[in-house]
PDB file of N, CA and C in Angstrom:
ATOM      1  N   MET A   1      10.437 132.979  51.136  1.00  0.00           N
ATOM      2  CA  MET A   1      11.659 134.046  50.538  1.00  0.00           C
ATOM      3  C   MET A   1      12.279 134.333  51.254  1.00  0.00           C
ATOM      4  N   GLY A   2      12.758 134.110  52.385  1.00  0.00           N
ATOM      5  CA  GLY A   2      13.650 135.233  53.678  1.00  0.00           C
ATOM      6  C   GLY A   2      14.668 133.971  53.664  1.00  0.00           C
ATOM      7  N   GLU A   3      15.296 132.851  53.337  1.00  0.00           N
ATOM      8  CA  GLU A   3      16.231 132.268  53.255  1.00  0.00           C
ATOM      9  C   GLU A   3      17.481 132.873  53.667  1.00  0.00           C
ATOM     10  N   THR A   4      18.020 132.932  54.514  1.00  0.00           N
ATOM     11  CA  THR A   4      19.180 133.775  53.788  1.00  0.00           C
ATOM     12  C   THR A   4      20.249 132.259  53.379  1.00  0.00           C
ATOM     13  N   LYS A   5      21.948 133.759  52.864  1.00  0.00           N
ATOM     14  CA  LYS A   5      22.143 132.479  52.492  1.00  0.00           C
ATOM     15  C   LYS A   5      23.165 131.516  52.579  1.00  0.00           C
ATOM     16  N   HIS A   6      23.335 130.885  53.810  1.00  0.00           N
ATOM     17  CA  HIS A   6      23.551 130.380  54.508  1.00  0.00           C
ATOM     18  C   HIS A   6      22.605 129.269  54.727  1.00  0.00           C
ATOM     19  N   GLU A   7      21.425 129.885  54.363  1.00  0.00           N
ATOM     20  CA  GLU A   7      20.670 128.590  54.993  1.00  0.00           C
ATOM     21  C   GLU A   7      19.888 127.765  53.249  1.00  0.00           C
ATOM     22  N   LEU A   8      20.725 128.656  52.363  1.00  0.00           N
ATOM     23  CA  LEU A   8      20.024 127.897  51.459  1.00  0.00           C
ATOM     24  C   LEU A   8      21.593 126.549  51.073  1.00  0.00           C
ATOM     25  N   LEU A   9      22.924 127.461  50.922  1.00  0.00           N
ATOM     26  CA  LEU A   9      23.670 126.734  50.759  1.00  0.00           C
ATOM     27  C   LEU A   9      23.636 125.137  52.042  1.00  0.00           C
ATOM     28  N   GLN A  10      22.886 125.565  52.777  1.00  0.00           N
ATOM     29  CA  GLN A  10      23.403 123.849  53.209  1.00  0.00           C
ATOM     30  C   GLN A  10      22.395 122.647  52.704  1.00  0.00           C
ATOM     31  N   ARG A  11      21.808 123.399  51.549  1.00  0.00           N
ATOM     32  CA  ARG A  11      20.872 122.938  50.859  1.00  0.00           C
ATOM     33  C   ARG A  11      22.015 122.199  49.641  1.00  0.00           C
ATOM     34  N   ILE A  12      23.529 122.161  49.801  1.00  0.00           N
ATOM     35  CA  ILE A  12      24.053 121.577  48.386  1.00  0.00           C
ATOM     36  C   ILE A  12      25.012 120.846  49.415  1.00  0.00           C
ATOM     37  N   SER A  13      25.669 119.830  48.915  1.00  0.00           N
ATOM     38  CA  SER A  13      25.823 118.569  49.550  1.00  0.00           C
ATOM     39  C   SER A  13      27.247 118.758  48.866  1.00  0.00           C
ATOM     40  N   VAL A  14      28.577 118.247  50.013  1.00  0.00           N
ATOM     41  CA  VAL A  14      30.420 117.832  49.109  1.00  0.00           C
ATOM     42  C   VAL A  14      30.550 116.395  49.701  1.00  0.00           C
ATOM     43  N   ASN A  15      30.448 115.662  49.205  1.00  0.00           N
ATOM     44  CA  ASN A  15      30.218 114.065  49.805  1.00  0.00           C
ATOM     45  C   ASN A  15      32.182 113.773  48.466  1.00  0.00           C
ATOM     46  N   PRO A  16      32.976 113.207  48.782  1.00  0.00           N
ATOM     47  CA  PRO A  16      34.022 112.223  48.035  1.00  0.00           C
ATOM     48  C   PRO A  16      33.646 111.472  47.167  1.00  0.00           C
ATOM     49  N   ASN A  17      32.789 110.689  48.466  1.00  0.00           N
ATOM     50  CA  ASN A  17      32.364 109.275  47.649  1.00  0.00           C
ATOM     51  C   ASN A  17      31.397 109.463  46.645  1.00  0.00           C
ATOM     52  N   ILE A  18      30.585 110.350  46.660  1.00  0.00           N
ATOM     53  CA  ILE A  18      29.382 110.871  45.424  1.00  0.00           C
ATOM     54  C   ILE A  18      30.164 112.367  44.351  1.00  0.00           C
ATOM     55  N   CYS A  19      29.131 111.229  43.304  1.00  0.00           N
ATOM     56  CA  CYS A  19      29.026 112.302  42.344  1.00  0.00           C
ATOM     57  C   CYS A  19      30.924 112.815  42.085  1.00  0.00           C
ATOM     58  N   PHE A  20      31.580 111.935  42.679  1.00  0.00           N
ATOM     59  CA  PHE A  20      33.484 112.819  42.214  1.00  0.00           C
ATOM     60  C   PHE A  20      33.379 113.853  43.428  1.00  0.00           C
ATOM     61  N   GLY A  21      32.769 113.933  44.426  1.00  0.00           N
ATOM     62  CA  GLY A  21      33.044 114.837  44.770  1.00  0.00           C
ATOM     63  C   GLY A  21      32.247 116.402  44.637  1.00  0.00           C
ATOM     64  N   LYS A  22      31.891 116.377  43.683  1.00  0.00           N
ATOM     65  CA  LYS A  22      30.843 117.584  43.056  1.00  0.00           C
ATOM     66  C   LYS A  22      30.300 117.722  43.683  1.00  0.00           C
ATOM     67  N   PRO A  23      29.475 119.546  44.100  1.00  0.00           N
ATOM     68  CA  PRO A  23      28.527 119.697  44.254  1.00  0.00           C
ATOM     69  C   PRO A  23      27.149 119.117  43.868  1.00  0.00           C
ATOM     70  N   CYS A  24      26.321 118.831  45.121  1.00  0.00           N
ATOM     71  CA  CYS A  24      25.406 118.165  44.280  1.00  0.00           C
ATOM     72  C   CYS A  24      23.951 118.851  44.924  1.00  0.00           C
ATOM     73  N   ILE A  25      23.168 118.994  44.823  1.00  0.00           N
ATOM     74  CA  ILE A  25      21.417 119.382  46.119  1.00  0.00           C
ATOM     75  C   ILE A  25      21.640 118.123  46.689  1.00  0.00           C
ATOM     76  N   ARG A  26      21.720 118.241  47.918  1.00  0.00           N
ATOM     77  CA  ARG A  26      22.240 117.200  49.238  1.00  0.00           C
ATOM     78  C   ARG A  26      20.393 116.759  48.919  1.00  0.00           C
ATOM     79  N   GLY A  27      21.186 114.731  49.342  1.00  0.00           N
ATOM     80  CA  GLY A  27      19.472 114.381  48.849  1.00  0.00           C
ATOM     81  C   GLY A  27      19.628 114.162  47.014  1.00  0.00           C
ATOM     82  N   HIS A  28      20.353 114.649  46.406  1.00  0.00           N
ATOM     83  CA  HIS A  28      20.395 114.368  45.019  1.00  0.00           C
ATOM     84  C   HIS A  28      21.314 113.904  44.363  1.00  0.00           C
ATOM     85  N   ARG A  29      21.597 113.660  43.237  1.00  0.00           N
ATOM     86  CA  ARG A  29      22.464 113.385  42.486  1.00  0.00           C
ATOM     87  C   ARG A  29      22.963 114.059  41.334  1.00  0.00           C
ATOM     88  N   ILE A  30      22.339 115.278  41.528  1.00  0.00           N
ATOM     89  CA  ILE A  30      22.576 116.777  40.931  1.00  0.00           C
ATOM     90  C   ILE A  30      23.311 117.335  41.073  1.00  0.00           C
ATOM     91  N   TRP A  31      24.165 116.903  40.052  1.00  0.00           N
ATOM     92  CA  TRP A  31      25.584 118.541  40.013  1.00  0.00           C
ATOM     93  C   TRP A  31      24.676 120.733  40.240  1.00  0.00           C
ATOM     94  N   VAL A  32      25.600 120.913  40.800  1.00  0.00           N
ATOM     95  CA  VAL A  32      25.044 122.274  41.477  1.00  0.00           C
ATOM     96  C   VAL A  32      25.632 123.109  39.638  1.00  0.00           C
ATOM     97  N   SER A  33      26.709 122.689  38.696  1.00  0.00           N
ATOM     98  CA  SER A  33      27.258 123.163  37.832  1.00  0.00           C
ATOM     99  C   SER A  33      25.807 122.584  36.552  1.00  0.00           C
ATOM    100  N   LEU A  34      25.567 121.548  36.891  1.00  0.00           N
ATOM    101  CA  LEU A  34      24.136 121.289  35.576  1.00  0.00           C
ATOM    102  C   LEU A  34      23.341 122.092  35.738  1.00  0.00           C
ATOM    103  N   ILE A  35      23.017 122.374  36.762  1.00  0.00           N
ATOM    104  CA  ILE A  35      21.667 123.590  37.638  1.00  0.00           C
ATOM    105  C   ILE A  35      22.033 124.568  37.174  1.00  0.00           C
ATOM    106  N   LEU A  36      23.487 125.344  36.782  1.00  0.00           N
ATOM    107  CA  LEU A  36      23.941 126.577  36.560  1.00  0.00           C
ATOM    108  C   LEU A  36      24.014 126.573  34.753  1.00  0.00           C
ATOM    109  N   ASP A  37      24.431 125.665  34.863  1.00  0.00           N
ATOM    110  CA  ASP A  37      24.752 125.259  33.091  1.00  0.00           C
ATOM    111  C   ASP A  37      22.883 125.534  32.225  1.00  0.00           C
ATOM    112  N   MET A  38      22.588 124.688  32.712  1.00  0.00           N
ATOM    113  CA  MET A  38      20.751 125.373  32.822  1.00  0.00           C
ATOM    114  C   MET A  38      20.146 126.604  32.650  1.00  0.00           C
ATOM    115  N   LEU A  39      21.043 127.423  33.558  1.00  0.00           N
ATOM    116  CA  LEU A  39      20.087 129.341  34.581  1.00  0.00           C
ATOM    117  C   LEU A  39      20.850 129.344  33.105  1.00  0.00           C
ATOM    118  N   ALA A  40      22.431 129.232  32.550  1.00  0.00           N
ATOM    119  CA  ALA A  40      22.947 130.330  31.800  1.00  0.00           C
ATOM    120  C   ALA A  40      22.681 129.933  30.539  1.00  0.00           C
ATOM    121  N   ALA A  41      22.255 128.744  29.743  1.00  0.00           N
ATOM    122  CA  ALA A  41      21.760 128.294  28.757  1.00  0.00           C
ATOM    123  C   ALA A  41      20.145 129.463  28.666  1.00  0.00           C
ATOM    124  N   GLY A  42      19.682 129.379  28.943  1.00  0.00           N
ATOM    125  CA  GLY A  42      18.146 130.387  29.666  1.00  0.00           C
ATOM    126  C   GLY A  42      17.330 129.550  29.888  1.00  0.00           C
ATOM    127  N   MET A  43      17.689 128.738  30.603  1.00  0.00           N
ATOM    128  CA  MET A  43      15.978 127.452  31.156  1.00  0.00           C
ATOM    129  C   MET A  43      15.694 129.394  31.890  1.00  0.00           C
ATOM    130  N   SER A  44      13.945 128.332  32.278  1.00  0.00           N
ATOM    131  CA  SER A  44      13.689 128.487  33.489  1.00  0.00           C
ATOM    132  C   SER A  44      13.303 127.851  34.428  1.00  0.00           C
ATOM    133  N   HIS A  45      12.925 129.153  35.478  1.00  0.00           N
ATOM    134  CA  HIS A  45      13.204 127.850  37.152  1.00  0.00           C
ATOM    135  C   HIS A  45      11.659 126.724  36.376  1.00  0.00           C
ATOM    136  N   ASP A  46      11.211 126.748  35.900  1.00  0.00           N
ATOM    137  CA  ASP A  46       9.792 126.506  35.122  1.00  0.00           C
ATOM    138  C   ASP A  46      10.356 125.370  34.993  1.00  0.00           C
ATOM    139  N   GLU A  47      11.491 125.096  33.505  1.00  0.00           N
ATOM    140  CA  GLU A  47      11.757 124.454  33.283  1.00  0.00           C
ATOM    141  C   GLU A  47      12.304 123.444  33.374  1.00  0.00           C
ATOM    142  N   ILE A  48      13.194 124.119  34.441  1.00  0.00           N
ATOM    143  CA  ILE A  48      14.500 122.889  35.410  1.00  0.00           C
ATOM    144  C   ILE A  48      13.272 122.568  36.125  1.00  0.00           C
ATOM    145  N   LEU A  49      12.261 122.666  37.165  1.00  0.00           N
ATOM    146  CA  LEU A  49      11.590 121.969  37.953  1.00  0.00           C
ATOM    147  C   LEU A  49      11.044 120.876  37.278  1.00  0.00           C
ATOM    148  N   ALA A  50      10.441 121.504  35.925  1.00  0.00           N
ATOM    149  CA  ALA A  50       9.608 120.315  35.455  1.00  0.00           C
ATOM    150  C   ALA A  50      10.366 118.867  34.821  1.00  0.00           C
ATOM    151  N   ASN A  51      11.113 119.521  34.685  1.00  0.00           N
ATOM    152  CA  ASN A  51      12.790 118.416  33.649  1.00  0.00           C
ATOM    153  C   ASN A  51      13.268 118.048  34.938  1.00  0.00           C
ATOM    154  N   TYR A  52      13.531 118.243  36.032  1.00  0.00           N
ATOM    155  CA  TYR A  52      13.564 117.270  37.735  1.00  0.00           C
ATOM    156  C   TYR A  52      12.644 117.812  38.534  1.00  0.00           C
ATOM    157  N   PRO A  53      11.622 117.264  38.618  1.00  0.00           N
ATOM    158  CA  PRO A  53      10.184 117.134  40.046  1.00  0.00           C
ATOM    159  C   PRO A  53      10.408 117.151  41.306  1.00  0.00           C
ATOM    160  N   GLY A  54      11.851 116.388  41.454  1.00  0.00           N
ATOM    161  CA  GLY A  54      12.220 116.264  42.815  1.00  0.00           C
ATOM    162  C   GLY A  54      12.981 117.360  43.133  1.00  0.00           C
ATOM    163  N   LEU A  55      13.738 118.758  43.219  1.00  0.00           N
ATOM    164  CA  LEU A  55      13.732 119.937  42.906  1.00  0.00           C
ATOM    165  C   LEU A  55      12.892 120.874  43.524  1.00  0.00           C
ATOM    166  N   SER A  56      13.185 121.917  44.162  1.00  0.00           N
ATOM    167  CA  SER A  56      12.013 122.596  44.189  1.00  0.00           C
ATOM    168  C   SER A  56      13.164 124.400  44.585  1.00  0.00           C
ATOM    169  N   GLU A  57      12.424 125.840  43.831  1.00  0.00           N
ATOM    170  CA  GLU A  57      12.621 126.616  44.002  1.00  0.00           C
ATOM    171  C   GLU A  57      13.899 126.887  44.612  1.00  0.00           C
ATOM    172  N   LEU A  58      14.325 126.375  46.159  1.00  0.00           N
ATOM    173  CA  LEU A  58      15.070 126.449  47.068  1.00  0.00           C
ATOM    174  C   LEU A  58      16.277 126.056  46.563  1.00  0.00           C
ATOM    175  N   ASP A  59      16.022 124.725  46.391  1.00  0.00           N
ATOM    176  CA  ASP A  59      17.266 123.991  45.151  1.00  0.00           C
ATOM    177  C   ASP A  59      17.806 124.705  44.305  1.00  0.00           C
ATOM    178  N   LEU A  60      16.698 125.309  44.146  1.00  0.00           N
ATOM    179  CA  LEU A  60      17.749 126.104  42.538  1.00  0.00           C
ATOM    180  C   LEU A  60      18.353 127.569  43.510  1.00  0.00           C
ATOM    181  N   ARG A  61      17.807 128.328  43.697  1.00  0.00           N
ATOM    182  CA  ARG A  61      18.016 129.657  44.502  1.00  0.00           C
ATOM    183  C   ARG A  61      19.541 128.866  44.846  1.00  0.00           C
ATOM    184  N   ALA A  62      19.617 128.075  45.701  1.00  0.00           N
ATOM    185  CA  ALA A  62      20.899 127.047  46.509  1.00  0.00           C
ATOM    186  C   ALA A  62      21.969 126.775  45.415  1.00  0.00           C
ATOM    187  N   CYS A  63      21.580 126.391  44.016  1.00  0.00           N
ATOM    188  CA  CYS A  63      22.519 126.599  43.757  1.00  0.00           C
ATOM    189  C   CYS A  63      23.170 127.841  42.956  1.00  0.00           C
ATOM    190  N   ILE A  64      22.070 128.636  42.534  1.00  0.00           N
ATOM    191  CA  ILE A  64      23.257 130.000  42.441  1.00  0.00           C
ATOM    192  C   ILE A  64      24.066 130.930  43.834  1.00  0.00           C
ATOM    193  N   ALA A  65      23.106 130.299  44.522  1.00  0.00           N
ATOM    194  CA  ALA A  65      23.922 130.775  46.421  1.00  0.00           C
ATOM    195  C   ALA A  65      25.586 130.668  45.962  1.00  0.00           C
ATOM    196  N   TYR A  66      25.932 129.251  45.570  1.00  0.00           N
ATOM    197  CA  TYR A  66      26.726 128.608  46.117  1.00  0.00           C
ATOM    198  C   TYR A  66      27.648 128.861  44.599  1.00  0.00           C
ATOM    199  N   GLY A  67      26.995 129.257  43.403  1.00  0.00           N
ATOM    200  CA  GLY A  67      28.645 130.163  42.273  1.00  0.00           C
ATOM    201  C   GLY A  67      28.032 131.360  42.719  1.00  0.00           C
ATOM    202  N   SER A  68      27.965 131.840  43.405  1.00  0.00           N
ATOM    203  CA  SER A  68      27.974 133.484  43.892  1.00  0.00           C
ATOM    204  C   SER A  68      29.686 133.086  44.777  1.00  0.00           C
ATOM    205  N   GLU A  69      29.126 132.169  45.450  1.00  0.00           N
ATOM    206  CA  GLU A  69      30.639 132.360  46.806  1.00  0.00           C
ATOM    207  C   GLU A  69      31.412 131.996  46.558  1.00  0.00           C
ATOM    208  N   MET A  70      31.350 130.675  45.230  1.00  0.00           N
ATOM    209  CA  MET A  70      32.975 130.316  44.765  1.00  0.00           C
ATOM    210  C   MET A  70      33.206 131.036  43.668  1.00  0.00           C
ATOM    211  N   SER A  71      32.249 132.207  42.706  1.00  0.00           N
ATOM    212  CA  SER A  71      33.353 133.477  42.331  1.00  0.00           C
ATOM    213  C   SER A  71      33.838 134.143  43.394  1.00  0.00           C
ATOM    214  N   ARG A  72      34.285 134.118  44.321  1.00  0.00           N
ATOM    215  CA  ARG A  72      35.067 135.350  45.387  1.00  0.00           C
ATOM    216  C   ARG A  72      35.962 134.834  45.212  1.00  0.00           C
ATOM    217  N   GLU A  73      36.018 133.659  45.266  1.00  0.00           N
ATOM    218  CA  GLU A  73      37.194 132.678  46.203  1.00  0.00           C
ATOM    219  C   GLU A  73      37.854 132.344  44.463  1.00  0.00           C
ATOM    220  N   ARG A  74      37.312 132.159  43.416  1.00  0.00           N
ATOM    221  CA  ARG A  74      38.247 131.826  42.066  1.00  0.00           C
ATOM    222  C   ARG A  74      37.730 132.965  41.219  1.00  0.00           C
ATOM    223  N   PHE A  75      38.296 132.694  39.385  1.00  0.00           N
ATOM    224  CA  PHE A  75      38.116 134.039  38.519  1.00  0.00           C
ATOM    225  C   PHE A  75      38.291 132.276  37.614  1.00  0.00           C
ATOM    226  N   VAL A  76      37.490 132.973  36.288  1.00  0.00           N
ATOM    227  CA  VAL A  76      37.387 132.366  35.021  1.00  0.00           C
ATOM    228  C   VAL A  76      37.806 133.197  34.189  1.00  0.00           C
ATOM    229  N   ASP A  77      39.328 132.553  33.401  1.00  0.00           N
ATOM    230  CA  ASP A  77      39.962 133.401  32.263  1.00  0.00           C
ATOM    231  C   ASP A  77      38.893 133.541  31.398  1.00  0.00           C
ATOM    232  N   LEU A  78      39.324 134.919  30.662  1.00  0.00           N
ATOM    233  CA  LEU A  78      37.690 134.597  29.618  1.00  0.00           C
ATOM    234  C   LEU A  78      38.110 136.346  28.964  1.00  0.00           C
ATOM    235  N   PRO A  79      38.065 135.277  28.029  1.00  0.00           N
ATOM    236  CA  PRO A  79      39.781 135.708  26.108  1.00  0.00           C
ATOM    237  C   PRO A  79      38.452 137.811  26.825  1.00  0.00           C
ATOM    238  N   HIS A  80      39.272 138.344  26.314  1.00  0.00           N
ATOM    239  CA  HIS A  80      38.979 139.963  26.218  1.00  0.00           C
ATOM    240  C   HIS A  80      39.105 140.081  24.826  1.00  0.00           C
ATOM    241  N   GLY A  81      37.134 140.956  25.814  1.00  0.00           N
ATOM    242  CA  GLY A  81      36.048 141.420  24.304  1.00  0.00           C
ATOM    243  C   GLY A  81      37.041 142.367  22.867  1.00  0.00           C
ATOM    244  N   ALA A  82      36.524 142.318  21.873  1.00  0.00           N
ATOM    245  CA  ALA A  82      37.994 142.797  20.667  1.00  0.00           C
ATOM    246  C   ALA A  82      36.726 144.313  20.525  1.00  0.00           C
TER     247      ALA A  82
END
């Protein structure tokens, strides 16, 4: 559990020739955004790992770390609350 953010981010790859250049889990064609969408929808880590047995807990944490880093660089325009 002592992996640094830098170590986690090394589990993510971006290659213009793979998955249209979208960030993927290294060695897989699974988009980071897919994993983040599943987490946002309420899926547990165990559920995701059961559906994608080639992934590890560290891969899921790497996706979260990548999303965290991206949010430092960009923002999403959200509707104002009523």
